[in-house]
C-alpha atoms as a PDB file:
ATOM      1  CA  MET A   1       0.000   0.000   0.000  1.00  0.00           C
ATOM      2  CA  LYS A   2       1.263   3.454  -0.868  1.00  0.00           C
ATOM      3  CA  LEU A   3       0.136   6.475   1.050  1.00  0.00           C
ATOM      4  CA  TYR A   4       0.225   9.948  -0.381  1.00  0.00           C
ATOM      5  CA  HIS A   5      -0.095  13.183   1.606  1.00  0.00           C
ATOM      6  CA  GLY A   6      -1.344  11.421   4.702  1.00  0.00           C
ATOM      7  CA  SER A   7      -4.234   9.784   2.878  1.00  0.00           C
ATOM      8  CA  ASN A   8      -5.245   6.199   3.582  1.00  0.00           C
ATOM      9  CA  GLN A   9      -6.441   5.735   0.006  1.00  0.00           C
ATOM     10  CA  VAL A  10      -4.644   2.992  -1.874  1.00  0.00           C
ATOM     11  CA  ILE A  11      -3.246   4.202  -5.164  1.00  0.00           C
ATOM     12  CA  LYS A  12      -2.064   1.464  -7.447  1.00  0.00           C
ATOM     13  CA  SER A  13       0.622   2.028 -10.022  1.00  0.00           C
ATOM     14  CA  PRO A  14      -0.775   1.834 -13.535  1.00  0.00           C
ATOM     15  CA  ASP A  15       0.190  -1.164 -15.640  1.00  0.00           C
ATOM     16  CA  LEU A  16       2.534   0.386 -18.159  1.00  0.00           C
ATOM     17  CA  SER A  17       3.830  -2.879 -19.560  1.00  0.00           C
ATOM     18  CA  LYS A  18       1.634  -2.706 -22.676  1.00  0.00           C
ATOM     19  CA  SER A  19       2.337   0.945 -23.383  1.00  0.00           C
ATOM     20  CA  ARG A  20       6.073   0.409 -22.837  1.00  0.00           C
ATOM     21  CA  LYS A  21       6.075  -2.475 -25.309  1.00  0.00           C
ATOM     22  CA  LEU A  22       4.184  -0.355 -27.832  1.00  0.00           C
ATOM     23  CA  TYR A  23       6.689   2.472 -27.365  1.00  0.00           C
ATOM     24  CA  ILE A  24       9.606   0.063 -27.704  1.00  0.00           C
ATOM     25  CA  ASN A  25       8.156  -1.396 -30.900  1.00  0.00           C
ATOM     26  CA  ILE A  26       7.465   2.009 -32.441  1.00  0.00           C
ATOM     27  CA  SER A  27      10.935   3.263 -31.524  1.00  0.00           C
ATOM     28  CA  LEU A  28      12.545   0.057 -32.727  1.00  0.00           C
ATOM     29  CA  ILE A  29      10.707   0.098 -36.042  1.00  0.00           C
ATOM     30  CA  ASN A  30      11.597   3.757 -36.506  1.00  0.00           C
ATOM     31  CA  MET A  31      15.291   2.948 -36.007  1.00  0.00           C
ATOM     32  CA  ILE A  32      15.123  -0.010 -38.397  1.00  0.00           C
ATOM     33  CA  VAL A  33      13.391   2.069 -41.073  1.00  0.00           C
ATOM     34  CA  ARG A  34      16.048   4.767 -40.708  1.00  0.00           C
ATOM     35  CA  LEU A  35      18.762   2.130 -41.188  1.00  0.00           C
ATOM     36  CA  ILE A  36      16.997   0.887 -44.321  1.00  0.00           C
ATOM     37  CA  VAL A  37      16.770   4.442 -45.674  1.00  0.00           C
ATOM     38  CA  GLU A  38      20.473   5.082 -44.978  1.00  0.00           C
ATOM     39  CA  LYS A  39      21.896   1.785 -46.138  1.00  0.00           C
ATOM     40  CA  LYS A  40      19.594   0.941 -49.041  1.00  0.00           C
ATOM     41  CA  SER A  41      19.033   4.453 -50.371  1.00  0.00           C
ATOM     42  CA  LEU A  42      15.279   4.004 -50.296  1.00  0.00           C
ATOM     43  CA  ASP A  43      12.970   6.857 -49.449  1.00  0.00           C
ATOM     44  CA  GLU A  44      11.122   6.586 -46.162  1.00  0.00           C
ATOM     45  CA  GLN A  45       7.851   5.367 -47.671  1.00  0.00           C
ATOM     46  CA  GLU A  46       9.637   2.636 -49.641  1.00  0.00           C
ATOM     47  CA  ALA A  47      11.588   1.608 -46.548  1.00  0.00           C
ATOM     48  CA  ILE A  48       8.444   1.386 -44.442  1.00  0.00           C
ATOM     49  CA  PHE A  49       6.713  -0.661 -47.134  1.00  0.00           C
ATOM     50  CA  ALA A  50       9.749  -2.958 -47.545  1.00  0.00           C
ATOM     51  CA  PHE A  51      10.020  -3.542 -43.798  1.00  0.00           C
ATOM     52  CA  TYR A  52       6.319  -4.097 -43.086  1.00  0.00           C
ATOM     53  CA  ASN A  53       6.041  -6.575 -45.941  1.00  0.00           C
ATOM     54  CA  SER A  54       8.856  -8.748 -44.599  1.00  0.00           C
ATOM     55  CA  LYS A  55       8.856 -11.911 -42.535  1.00  0.00           C
ATOM     56  CA  ILE A  56      11.053 -10.134 -39.991  1.00  0.00           C
ATOM     57  CA  ALA A  57       8.304  -7.561 -39.368  1.00  0.00           C
ATOM     58  CA  GLU A  58       5.906 -10.456 -38.895  1.00  0.00           C
ATOM     59  CA  LYS A  59       8.302 -12.056 -36.403  1.00  0.00           C
ATOM     60  CA  LEU A  60       8.772  -8.739 -34.599  1.00  0.00           C
ATOM     61  CA  ALA A  61       5.014  -8.544 -34.070  1.00  0.00           C
ATOM     62  CA  ASP A  62       5.058 -11.948 -32.319  1.00  0.00           C
ATOM     63  CA  LYS A  63       5.536 -10.996 -28.673  1.00  0.00           C
ATOM     64  CA  ASN A  64       6.345 -14.601 -27.743  1.00  0.00           C
ATOM     65  CA  LEU A  65       9.547 -14.527 -29.793  1.00  0.00           C
ATOM     66  CA  GLY A  66      10.900 -11.492 -27.979  1.00  0.00           C
ATOM     67  CA  LEU A  67      12.538 -10.147 -31.127  1.00  0.00           C
ATOM     68  CA  TYR A  68      11.759  -6.624 -29.901  1.00  0.00           C
ATOM     69  CA  LEU A  69      14.456  -7.127 -27.265  1.00  0.00           C
ATOM     70  CA  LEU A  70      17.192  -7.301 -29.901  1.00  0.00           C
ATOM     71  CA  SER A  71      19.270  -4.474 -31.277  1.00  0.00           C
ATOM     72  CA  PRO A  72      17.772  -2.602 -34.233  1.00  0.00           C
ATOM     73  CA  TYR A  73      21.076  -3.245 -36.043  1.00  0.00           C
ATOM     74  CA  LEU A  74      20.684  -6.984 -35.640  1.00  0.00           C
ATOM     75  CA  ILE A  75      17.065  -6.866 -36.781  1.00  0.00           C
ATOM     76  CA  TYR A  76      18.175  -4.757 -39.752  1.00  0.00           C
ATOM     77  CA  GLU A  77      20.788  -7.391 -40.679  1.00  0.00           C
ATOM     78  CA  LEU A  78      18.129 -10.119 -40.548  1.00  0.00           C
ATOM     79  CA  TRP A  79      15.817  -7.955 -42.665  1.00  0.00           C
ATOM     80  CA  ASN A  80      18.632  -7.212 -45.112  1.00  0.00           C
ATOM     81  CA  ALA A  81      19.337 -10.917 -45.608  1.00  0.00           C
ATOM     82  CA  GLU A  82      15.654 -11.423 -46.375  1.00  0.00           C
ATOM     83  CA  TYR A  83      15.647  -8.399 -48.706  1.00  0.00           C
ATOM     84  CA  GLN A  84      18.656  -9.700 -50.640  1.00  0.00           C
ATOM     85  CA  THR A  85      17.993 -13.445 -50.645  1.00  0.00           C
ATOM     86  CA  GLY A  86      14.322 -13.835 -49.796  1.00  0.00           C
ATOM     87  CA  ASP A  87      15.184 -15.691 -46.585  1.00  0.00           C
ATOM     88  CA  PHE A  88      16.285 -14.004 -43.356  1.00  0.00           C
ATOM     89  CA  ARG A  89      17.834 -17.304 -42.257  1.00  0.00           C
ATOM     90  CA  GLN A  90      20.630 -16.594 -44.745  1.00  0.00           C
ATOM     91  CA  SER A  91      21.947 -13.915 -42.390  1.00  0.00           C
ATOM     92  CA  PRO A  92      25.174 -14.848 -40.605  1.00  0.00           C
ATOM     93  CA  TYR A  93      23.460 -13.521 -37.472  1.00  0.00           C
ATOM     94  CA  PHE A  94      20.487 -15.852 -37.703  1.00  0.00           C
ATOM     95  CA  GLU A  95      21.868 -18.790 -35.747  1.00  0.00           C
ATOM     96  CA  GLY A  96      20.646 -18.628 -32.192  1.00  0.00           C
ATOM     97  CA  VAL A  97      18.342 -15.647 -32.715  1.00  0.00           C
ATOM     98  CA  LEU A  98      15.063 -17.281 -33.751  1.00  0.00           C
END
């Protein structure tokens, strides 16, 4: 129980776990898209389209995989392997990630 200003009213902390995950995903996707723009010379709209239409984006959306916990650079490398070969498992970083 937490007491504020001498009150006996119980104030529970809000559950921010969902909003934090949403923020992490939005920030992470933003960083990945920026990497795509920089490294592939795509405009932002093309980069967003290319990322969201990939298997890696699908995997990132699966909260059970925990891909959102990885570095945006690593996720970019997995995406790039998929972009170049059609299969993200061709990335040298794939082993042990998924």
